[in-house]
N, C-alpha and C. Protein backbone atom coordinates (compact mmCIF):
# COMPACT_ATOMS: atom_id res chain seq x y z
N MET A 1 -8.01 -14.13 -51.89
CA MET A 1 -7.73 -14.31 -50.85
C MET A 1 -8.01 -12.64 -50.04
N GLU A 2 -8.96 -12.54 -49.46
CA GLU A 2 -9.31 -11.01 -48.63
C GLU A 2 -7.98 -10.85 -47.47
N THR A 3 -7.50 -9.62 -47.42
CA THR A 3 -6.51 -9.25 -46.45
C THR A 3 -7.18 -8.62 -45.83
N LEU A 4 -6.72 -7.71 -44.71
CA LEU A 4 -6.80 -6.76 -43.20
C LEU A 4 -7.22 -5.72 -43.97
N GLU A 5 -6.45 -5.55 -45.06
CA GLU A 5 -6.72 -3.85 -45.78
C GLU A 5 -8.26 -3.77 -46.16
N ALA A 6 -9.02 -4.37 -46.42
CA ALA A 6 -10.24 -4.22 -46.69
C ALA A 6 -10.91 -4.05 -45.47
N TYR A 7 -10.80 -4.09 -44.56
CA TYR A 7 -11.33 -3.92 -43.48
C TYR A 7 -10.99 -2.97 -42.30
N MET A 8 -10.00 -2.16 -42.87
CA MET A 8 -9.14 -0.84 -41.76
C MET A 8 -9.47 0.25 -42.95
N PRO A 9 -10.25 1.35 -41.88
CA PRO A 9 -10.28 2.05 -42.42
C PRO A 9 -8.75 3.23 -42.68
N GLU A 10 -9.34 4.07 -43.66
CA GLU A 10 -8.35 4.50 -44.35
C GLU A 10 -7.98 6.24 -43.52
N ASP A 11 -8.69 6.89 -42.69
CA ASP A 11 -8.65 8.03 -42.16
C ASP A 11 -7.92 7.89 -41.14
N VAL A 12 -7.35 9.17 -40.39
CA VAL A 12 -6.42 8.97 -39.02
C VAL A 12 -7.38 9.10 -38.17
N TYR A 13 -9.02 9.60 -38.08
CA TYR A 13 -9.78 9.68 -37.19
C TYR A 13 -10.37 8.33 -36.47
N SER A 14 -10.73 7.76 -37.78
CA SER A 14 -11.21 6.15 -37.12
C SER A 14 -10.17 5.47 -36.76
N MET A 15 -9.02 5.45 -37.05
CA MET A 15 -7.53 4.79 -36.42
C MET A 15 -7.14 5.06 -35.32
N VAL A 16 -7.53 6.40 -35.06
CA VAL A 16 -7.33 6.80 -33.20
C VAL A 16 -8.67 6.40 -32.88
N VAL A 17 -9.67 6.34 -33.27
CA VAL A 17 -10.57 6.00 -32.52
C VAL A 17 -10.77 4.30 -32.30
N MET A 18 -10.37 3.51 -33.18
CA MET A 18 -10.29 2.03 -32.86
C MET A 18 -9.59 1.66 -31.82
N GLY A 19 -7.96 2.69 -32.03
CA GLY A 19 -6.96 2.14 -31.60
C GLY A 19 -7.34 2.78 -29.63
N VAL A 20 -8.11 3.79 -29.51
CA VAL A 20 -8.77 4.33 -28.15
C VAL A 20 -9.61 2.91 -27.86
N VAL A 21 -10.78 2.65 -28.44
CA VAL A 21 -11.63 1.73 -28.08
C VAL A 21 -10.75 0.34 -28.11
N ALA A 22 -9.73 -0.36 -28.25
CA ALA A 22 -8.97 -1.20 -28.13
C ALA A 22 -8.33 -1.19 -26.64
N PHE A 23 -7.97 0.04 -26.44
CA PHE A 23 -6.99 -0.14 -25.35
C PHE A 23 -7.96 0.28 -24.04
N ILE A 24 -9.51 0.71 -24.21
CA ILE A 24 -10.30 0.60 -22.88
C ILE A 24 -10.47 -0.80 -22.77
N VAL A 25 -10.66 -1.65 -24.12
CA VAL A 25 -11.32 -2.87 -24.23
C VAL A 25 -9.94 -3.82 -23.32
N ILE A 26 -8.80 -3.36 -23.77
CA ILE A 26 -7.93 -4.40 -23.29
C ILE A 26 -7.77 -4.10 -21.44
N TRP A 27 -7.62 -2.57 -21.23
CA TRP A 27 -7.86 -2.39 -19.92
C TRP A 27 -8.85 -2.76 -19.10
N LEU A 28 -9.92 -2.97 -19.58
CA LEU A 28 -11.05 -2.97 -18.81
C LEU A 28 -11.35 -4.67 -18.64
N VAL A 29 -10.99 -5.81 -19.76
CA VAL A 29 -10.56 -7.03 -19.45
C VAL A 29 -9.15 -7.40 -18.42
N MET A 30 -8.58 -6.58 -18.40
CA MET A 30 -7.41 -7.08 -17.55
C MET A 30 -8.17 -6.56 -16.20
N PHE A 31 -8.74 -5.65 -16.14
CA PHE A 31 -9.01 -5.09 -14.76
C PHE A 31 -10.06 -6.48 -14.25
N VAL A 32 -10.78 -6.66 -14.95
CA VAL A 32 -12.15 -7.76 -14.67
C VAL A 32 -11.11 -8.85 -14.44
N LEU A 33 -10.38 -9.65 -15.24
CA LEU A 33 -9.35 -10.51 -14.76
C LEU A 33 -8.78 -10.36 -13.44
N ARG A 34 -8.17 -9.43 -12.96
CA ARG A 34 -7.41 -9.41 -12.00
C ARG A 34 -8.37 -9.12 -10.73
N LYS A 35 -9.81 -8.66 -10.83
CA LYS A 35 -10.74 -8.78 -9.87
C LYS A 35 -10.63 -10.11 -9.35
N LEU A 36 -10.97 -10.96 -10.83
CA LEU A 36 -11.66 -12.31 -10.52
C LEU A 36 -10.67 -12.86 -10.03
N ILE A 37 -9.13 -12.92 -10.23
CA ILE A 37 -8.07 -13.95 -9.58
C ILE A 37 -8.05 -13.91 -8.66
N GLY A 38 -8.24 -12.13 -8.02
CA GLY A 38 -8.31 -12.05 -6.50
C GLY A 38 -9.45 -12.59 -6.15
N ILE A 39 -10.51 -12.62 -6.25
CA ILE A 39 -11.99 -13.04 -5.81
C ILE A 39 -11.75 -14.86 -5.65
N ALA A 40 -10.98 -15.32 -6.89
CA ALA A 40 -10.58 -16.68 -6.56
C ALA A 40 -9.95 -16.93 -5.74
N MET A 41 -9.17 -16.32 -5.29
CA MET A 41 -7.68 -16.34 -4.09
C MET A 41 -8.35 -16.47 -2.69
N VAL A 42 -9.29 -15.25 -2.61
CA VAL A 42 -10.00 -15.15 -1.26
C VAL A 42 -10.43 -16.67 -1.48
N ALA A 43 -11.59 -16.41 -2.12
CA ALA A 43 -12.12 -18.30 -1.94
C ALA A 43 -11.42 -19.15 -1.70
N ILE A 44 -10.16 -19.35 -2.20
CA ILE A 44 -9.39 -20.71 -2.16
C ILE A 44 -9.00 -20.64 -0.64
N LEU A 45 -8.72 -19.01 0.02
CA LEU A 45 -8.08 -19.28 1.28
C LEU A 45 -9.21 -19.64 2.46
N ILE A 46 -10.52 -18.70 1.73
CA ILE A 46 -11.65 -19.55 2.82
C ILE A 46 -12.02 -20.61 2.89
N ILE A 47 -11.81 -21.44 1.90
CA ILE A 47 -12.37 -22.89 1.37
C ILE A 47 -11.44 -23.68 2.46
N GLY A 48 -10.38 -23.33 2.39
CA GLY A 48 -9.03 -24.08 2.90
C GLY A 48 -8.93 -23.91 4.27
N GLY A 49 -9.27 -22.59 4.94
CA GLY A 49 -9.54 -22.77 6.23
C GLY A 49 -10.23 -23.31 6.32
N LEU A 50 -11.52 -23.12 6.27
CA LEU A 50 -12.82 -24.03 6.45
C LEU A 50 -12.78 -25.55 6.75
N MET A 51 -11.65 -26.03 5.24
CA MET A 51 -11.07 -27.57 5.59
C MET A 51 -10.15 -27.76 6.64
N VAL A 52 -9.44 -27.04 7.09
CA VAL A 52 -8.59 -27.23 7.73
C VAL A 52 -9.33 -26.98 9.48
N TRP A 53 -10.21 -26.12 9.58
CA TRP A 53 -10.27 -25.70 10.78
C TRP A 53 -11.37 -26.83 11.33
N HIS A 54 -12.46 -27.57 10.34
CA HIS A 54 -13.33 -28.67 10.48
C HIS A 54 -12.48 -30.31 10.85
N ASN A 55 -11.36 -30.48 10.01
CA ASN A 55 -10.87 -31.73 10.21
C ASN A 55 -9.96 -31.52 11.07
N PRO A 56 -9.59 -32.32 12.33
CA PRO A 56 -8.15 -31.99 13.25
C PRO A 56 -7.16 -32.74 13.19
N ALA A 57 -7.17 -33.83 11.98
CA ALA A 57 -6.04 -34.18 11.63
C ALA A 57 -5.68 -33.39 10.68
N VAL A 58 -6.21 -32.64 9.84
CA VAL A 58 -5.30 -31.75 8.66
C VAL A 58 -4.95 -30.61 9.35
N LEU A 59 -6.08 -29.90 10.71
CA LEU A 59 -5.15 -28.75 11.31
C LEU A 59 -4.13 -29.11 12.48
N GLN A 60 -3.78 -30.46 13.10
CA GLN A 60 -2.63 -30.78 13.38
C GLN A 60 -1.35 -30.59 12.41
N THR A 61 -1.89 -31.14 11.17
CA THR A 61 -0.45 -31.45 10.60
C THR A 61 -0.26 -29.85 10.11
N ALA A 62 -1.48 -28.70 9.53
CA ALA A 62 -1.25 -27.36 9.48
C ALA A 62 -0.40 -27.08 10.70
N GLN A 63 -0.38 -27.17 11.92
CA GLN A 63 -0.14 -26.64 12.94
C GLN A 63 1.60 -26.56 12.96
N ASP A 64 1.73 -28.19 13.03
CA ASP A 64 2.94 -28.86 12.98
C ASP A 64 3.77 -28.00 11.85
N ALA A 65 3.24 -27.81 10.71
CA ALA A 65 4.01 -27.40 9.31
C ALA A 65 4.38 -25.91 9.75
N VAL A 66 3.28 -25.28 10.52
CA VAL A 66 3.49 -23.94 10.59
C VAL A 66 4.98 -23.76 11.70
N VAL A 67 4.44 -24.45 12.90
CA VAL A 67 5.40 -24.41 13.77
C VAL A 67 6.89 -24.74 13.42
N ARG A 68 7.27 -25.87 12.69
CA ARG A 68 8.52 -26.22 11.89
C ARG A 68 9.20 -24.99 11.18
N TYR A 69 8.13 -24.38 10.30
CA TYR A 69 8.57 -23.19 9.33
C TYR A 69 9.33 -22.05 10.13
N TYR A 70 8.16 -21.98 11.03
CA TYR A 70 8.88 -20.44 12.14
C TYR A 70 9.89 -21.00 13.00
N ASP A 71 10.48 -22.17 13.81
CA ASP A 71 11.10 -22.61 14.23
C ASP A 71 12.31 -22.59 13.24
N GLN A 72 12.27 -23.40 12.08
CA GLN A 72 13.45 -23.09 11.05
C GLN A 72 13.72 -21.54 10.83
N TRP A 73 12.99 -20.81 10.50
CA TRP A 73 13.27 -19.23 10.20
C TRP A 73 13.62 -18.65 11.41
N ARG A 74 13.35 -18.96 12.75
CA ARG A 74 13.53 -18.08 14.28
C ARG A 74 15.06 -18.50 14.54
N TYR A 75 15.26 -19.64 14.99
CA TYR A 75 16.14 -20.55 15.35
C TYR A 75 17.23 -21.26 14.38
N GLY A 76 16.99 -21.61 12.89
CA GLY A 76 17.54 -22.00 11.97
C GLY A 76 17.69 -23.08 12.33
N ALA A 77 17.69 -24.23 10.87
CA ALA A 77 18.01 -25.75 11.30
C ALA A 77 19.07 -26.51 11.73
N SER A 78 18.52 -27.55 12.58
CA SER A 78 19.92 -28.17 13.53
C SER A 78 19.75 -29.52 12.86
N THR A 79 20.92 -29.75 13.21
CA THR A 79 21.08 -31.54 12.32
C THR A 79 20.01 -32.98 13.08
N HIS A 80 19.67 -32.26 14.27
CA HIS A 80 18.83 -33.22 15.10
C HIS A 80 17.28 -32.75 14.92
N ASP A 81 17.24 -31.72 14.65
CA ASP A 81 15.88 -31.44 14.08
C ASP A 81 15.61 -31.83 12.68
N ASP A 82 16.52 -32.10 12.16
CA ASP A 82 16.26 -32.44 10.63
C ASP A 82 16.21 -34.43 10.42
N GLN A 83 16.87 -35.19 11.36
CA GLN A 83 16.52 -36.23 11.70
C GLN A 83 15.20 -36.52 12.18
N GLN A 84 14.92 -35.89 13.15
CA GLN A 84 13.80 -36.18 13.73
C GLN A 84 12.32 -36.11 12.84
N HIS A 85 12.07 -35.07 12.01
CA HIS A 85 11.18 -35.02 10.81
C HIS A 85 11.49 -35.72 10.16
N LEU A 86 12.33 -36.63 9.35
CA LEU A 86 12.53 -37.60 8.51
C LEU A 86 11.63 -38.86 8.44
């Protein structure tokens, strides 16, 4: 059975170079993934905004939800408002 010892370099310089290369590769992968996730989030917001903008029923529902959440945050929830939205 082969072990990793056969593939690992024995000198310190090679180990340091492998560590630096591994660090750079991990950093680049994380940088690219962060950018891709950010681009995907912006695309989701744009597509969702277009869907809401072009569909009046969804637009009205979104406006009602935003106004309801804002009113609840600004004025607090009352029992009358809670019964009205049920």
